[in-house]
Protein backbone atom coordinates (compact mmCIF):
# COMPACT_ATOMS: atom_id res chain seq x y z
CA MET A 1 -15.82 9.62 -40.44
CA LEU A 2 -17.36 5.66 -39.43
CA THR A 3 -17.76 3.25 -42.10
CA ILE A 4 -19.62 -0.01 -40.14
CA ALA A 5 -19.22 -3.18 -42.00
CA GLN A 6 -22.81 -4.98 -42.48
CA PRO A 7 -23.63 -8.71 -42.89
CA ARG A 8 -25.92 -8.46 -46.15
CA ASN A 9 -26.18 -4.12 -47.12
CA GLU A 10 -23.38 -1.91 -48.53
CA GLY A 11 -21.31 0.03 -45.63
CA LEU A 12 -22.79 2.79 -44.06
CA THR A 13 -20.89 5.80 -44.10
CA ILE A 14 -21.76 9.12 -41.83
CA ASP A 15 -19.81 12.31 -41.16
CA GLY A 16 -20.74 15.49 -38.97
CA THR A 17 -22.38 16.95 -42.08
CA THR A 18 -23.63 14.23 -44.12
CA CYS A 19 -25.41 11.05 -43.89
CA ASN A 20 -24.60 8.50 -46.93
CA GLY A 21 -23.99 11.92 -48.79
CA VAL A 22 -27.47 13.45 -47.82
CA PRO A 23 -27.06 16.62 -46.28
CA ARG A 24 -27.70 16.64 -42.06
CA ALA A 25 -29.47 19.82 -42.20
CA THR A 26 -32.35 18.08 -39.96
CA CYS A 27 -31.75 14.43 -38.36
CA ASN A 28 -35.56 12.70 -38.48
CA GLY A 29 -37.05 16.33 -38.81
CA VAL A 30 -34.74 17.44 -35.55
CA PRO A 31 -32.75 20.25 -36.34
CA ARG A 32 -28.77 19.61 -36.79
CA ALA A 33 -27.63 21.58 -33.89
CA THR A 34 -30.17 19.69 -31.77
CA CYS A 35 -29.77 16.08 -33.35
CA ASN A 36 -25.61 16.29 -32.75
CA ALA A 37 -25.98 17.34 -29.11
CA VAL A 38 -23.87 14.62 -27.34
CA PRO A 39 -25.78 12.11 -25.42
CA ARG A 40 -24.03 11.38 -22.04
CA ALA A 41 -23.86 7.99 -23.14
CA ALA A 42 -22.17 8.77 -26.33
CA GLY A 43 -18.98 7.31 -25.36
CA GLU A 44 -19.81 3.96 -24.44
CA ILE A 45 -18.19 1.30 -26.46
CA LEU A 46 -19.92 -1.56 -28.26
CA SER A 47 -17.93 -4.82 -30.36
CA ILE A 48 -20.37 -5.58 -33.31
CA GLY A 49 -19.89 -8.22 -36.00
CA GLY A 50 -22.00 -6.25 -37.86
CA ILE A 51 -25.23 -3.52 -38.31
CA GLU A 52 -28.56 -4.11 -40.85
CA PRO A 53 -29.39 -0.60 -41.18
CA GLU A 54 -33.13 -0.86 -42.83
CA SER A 55 -34.41 -4.50 -41.55
CA ILE A 56 -37.76 -5.91 -42.04
CA VAL A 57 -36.91 -8.98 -40.38
CA ASP A 58 -35.69 -8.51 -37.07
CA GLY A 59 -38.85 -7.24 -35.42
CA PRO A 60 -41.69 -5.63 -35.82
CA GLY A 61 -41.44 -2.50 -38.58
CA PHE A 62 -38.70 -1.09 -40.18
CA ARG A 63 -35.75 -1.91 -37.93
CA TYR A 64 -32.11 -0.60 -37.20
CA THR A 65 -30.13 -4.06 -36.21
CA VAL A 66 -26.72 -4.37 -34.53
CA PHE A 67 -25.31 -7.80 -34.19
CA VAL A 68 -23.45 -7.46 -31.21
CA GLN A 69 -19.72 -9.54 -31.35
CA GLY A 70 -19.58 -12.31 -28.39
CA CYS A 71 -22.04 -14.95 -27.01
CA ASN A 72 -21.47 -17.61 -24.22
CA PHE A 73 -23.79 -19.99 -25.90
CA ARG A 74 -22.84 -22.31 -28.52
CA CYS A 75 -25.86 -23.36 -29.96
CA PRO A 76 -25.70 -26.30 -32.68
CA GLY A 77 -26.67 -24.85 -35.79
CA CYS A 78 -26.70 -21.03 -35.03
CA HIS A 79 -27.54 -18.76 -37.81
CA ASN A 80 -24.86 -16.41 -36.86
CA ALA A 81 -21.87 -18.70 -35.79
CA GLN A 82 -19.43 -16.49 -36.93
CA LEU A 83 -20.64 -13.92 -33.90
CA GLN A 84 -19.80 -16.20 -31.21
CA PRO A 85 -16.25 -15.46 -30.33
CA PHE A 86 -15.14 -12.44 -28.13
CA THR A 87 -12.44 -11.62 -30.89
CA GLY A 88 -13.08 -10.38 -34.25
CA GLY A 89 -15.46 -7.42 -33.75
CA ARG A 90 -15.41 -4.12 -34.52
CA SER A 91 -15.58 -1.26 -32.06
CA VAL A 92 -17.60 1.39 -32.41
CA THR A 93 -19.42 4.38 -29.78
CA VAL A 94 -22.82 4.36 -29.19
CA GLY A 95 -22.38 7.91 -30.12
CA GLU A 96 -21.67 6.51 -33.54
CA LEU A 97 -24.79 4.08 -33.88
CA LEU A 98 -27.21 6.71 -32.50
CA ASP A 99 -25.84 9.13 -35.57
CA ALA A 100 -26.70 6.52 -37.92
CA ILE A 101 -29.70 5.76 -36.44
CA ARG A 102 -31.34 9.42 -36.65
CA CYS A 103 -30.42 9.66 -40.06
CA ASN A 104 -33.19 7.72 -41.07
CA PRO A 105 -36.73 8.99 -40.03
CA LEU A 106 -38.54 5.54 -41.36
CA LEU A 107 -37.18 3.76 -38.66
CA ASP A 108 -39.60 1.99 -36.16
CA GLY A 109 -36.75 1.34 -34.00
CA LEU A 110 -33.73 -0.59 -32.96
CA THR A 111 -32.88 -4.62 -32.58
CA LEU A 112 -30.16 -5.83 -30.30
CA SER A 113 -28.96 -9.26 -31.99
CA GLY A 114 -26.04 -11.24 -31.99
CA GLY A 115 -24.34 -12.90 -30.51
CA ASP A 116 -25.57 -12.07 -27.51
CA PRO A 117 -26.46 -8.02 -26.33
CA PHE A 118 -26.33 -9.45 -22.41
CA THR A 119 -22.60 -10.13 -23.01
CA GLN A 120 -22.50 -6.18 -23.32
CA ALA A 121 -25.23 -5.29 -21.52
CA ALA A 122 -23.80 -1.83 -19.91
CA SER A 123 -23.04 -0.59 -23.75
CA CYS A 124 -26.05 -2.02 -25.07
CA ALA A 125 -28.34 -0.70 -22.35
CA ALA A 126 -26.98 3.12 -22.95
CA LEU A 127 -27.72 2.70 -26.53
CA ALA A 128 -31.41 1.89 -25.87
CA GLU A 129 -32.24 4.18 -23.17
CA GLU A 130 -30.92 6.84 -25.69
CA VAL A 131 -33.08 4.67 -28.63
CA ARG A 132 -36.38 5.22 -26.56
CA ALA A 133 -35.51 8.74 -26.02
CA LEU A 134 -36.18 9.23 -29.59
CA GLY A 135 -39.45 7.44 -29.36
CA LEU A 136 -38.46 4.27 -31.02
CA SER A 137 -38.89 0.66 -29.64
CA VAL A 138 -36.12 -1.51 -28.50
CA MET A 139 -36.19 -5.42 -29.21
CA THR A 140 -33.66 -7.64 -27.57
CA TYR A 141 -32.48 -11.03 -28.50
CA THR A 142 -30.52 -13.33 -25.70
CA GLY A 143 -29.85 -17.16 -25.28
CA TYR A 144 -30.75 -16.70 -21.96
CA THR A 145 -34.12 -17.11 -20.47
CA TRP A 146 -36.24 -14.36 -18.92
CA GLU A 147 -36.50 -16.35 -15.84
CA ALA A 148 -32.07 -16.98 -15.89
CA LEU A 149 -32.08 -13.15 -16.73
CA LEU A 150 -34.21 -12.13 -13.50
CA ALA A 151 -32.35 -15.03 -11.23
CA ALA A 152 -29.01 -13.36 -11.61
CA ASP A 153 -29.61 -9.94 -10.09
CA ASN A 154 -26.93 -8.39 -12.55
CA PRO A 155 -27.35 -4.70 -12.32
CA ASP A 156 -26.42 -4.22 -15.97
CA TRP A 157 -28.44 -7.11 -17.11
CA TRP A 158 -31.32 -5.65 -15.35
CA ARG A 159 -30.68 -1.86 -16.95
CA LEU A 160 -30.94 -3.57 -20.69
CA ILE A 161 -34.19 -5.59 -19.74
CA MET A 162 -35.49 -2.16 -18.31
CA ALA A 163 -34.60 -0.51 -22.04
CA THR A 164 -36.25 -3.10 -23.67
CA ASP A 165 -39.89 -3.22 -24.87
CA VAL A 166 -39.51 -7.11 -26.30
CA LEU A 167 -37.57 -9.63 -25.14
CA VAL A 168 -36.82 -12.77 -27.99
CA ASP A 169 -35.42 -15.36 -24.93
CA GLY A 170 -33.86 -18.79 -24.93
CA PRO A 171 -30.90 -20.65 -27.05
CA PHE A 172 -31.64 -21.81 -30.47
CA ILE A 173 -32.81 -25.77 -30.51
CA ARG A 174 -32.26 -27.10 -33.77
CA GLU A 175 -34.67 -29.57 -32.94
CA LEU A 176 -37.40 -27.46 -32.16
CA ARG A 177 -36.56 -25.01 -35.51
CA ASN A 178 -39.55 -23.44 -36.95
CA ILE A 179 -39.25 -21.48 -39.92
CA ASP A 180 -42.96 -20.34 -39.43
CA LEU A 181 -42.62 -18.25 -36.56
CA PHE A 182 -42.35 -14.62 -35.95
CA PHE A 183 -38.94 -13.56 -35.47
CA ARG A 184 -37.65 -16.49 -34.00
CA GLY A 185 -35.94 -19.87 -35.25
CA SER A 186 -36.88 -22.19 -32.48
CA SER A 187 -40.23 -23.11 -30.61
CA ASN A 188 -38.65 -22.33 -27.21
CA GLN A 189 -38.09 -19.01 -27.75
CA ARG A 190 -40.74 -16.77 -26.64
CA LEU A 191 -41.47 -12.71 -27.87
CA ILE A 192 -41.94 -11.29 -24.27
CA ASP A 193 -43.91 -8.24 -23.89
CA VAL A 194 -41.00 -6.70 -20.97
CA GLY A 195 -43.38 -3.85 -19.43
CA ARG A 196 -46.36 -6.38 -18.77
CA SER A 197 -44.02 -9.20 -17.41
CA LEU A 198 -42.65 -7.05 -15.06
CA GLY A 199 -46.17 -5.39 -13.92
CA ALA A 200 -47.75 -8.69 -13.54
CA GLY A 201 -45.05 -10.34 -12.08
CA MET A 202 -45.12 -13.36 -14.79
CA VAL A 203 -43.76 -14.19 -18.57
CA VAL A 204 -46.50 -12.08 -20.64
CA VAL A 205 -45.82 -12.89 -24.19
CA MET A 206 -46.60 -10.47 -27.31
CA PRO A 207 -50.22 -10.93 -28.73
CA GLY A 208 -50.40 -13.44 -31.78
CA GLU A 209 -46.84 -15.24 -30.26
């Protein structure tokens, strides 16, 4: 049984037959025998600082937010400074997180936040790929800019980019803080439509951004 610590809500408890005490005859309308099929990436490990299983502030719609542990940036005024160290997180498998996500038929998508998901890009990509296979969207936050991610030519980074629908890029800059922005902390950060950006060969921001 897995109990995942969360920054704002009670712990989420899941096991093979129930999810928060609810019998799992189905998960998101999928028969449990199918839902419990183990994906190839199920054993991948993520170090996380917490989760928010039902978020309305970490992207459009109703989202399952994973806060990864560890970040190479030290942005002054960081909202999640406790997630900067690479120590102190809790290890969970991609399979355990997927099990929890499948339990909630109301979810619109997954948000990868932190910390910085690109410090654990391979495992985050594995989770994101499986979530998209469920028909849900993926939104990823990073302190790196879009241009820096592409220039690095890192296979794991590229895999996470390809498994992401919307990327929020760039470090938080306290002097540019703006509380009126959607899903961002400072005005240098962009809501990037990943698919359209790759197709156009240039950054394409989300409409209304």
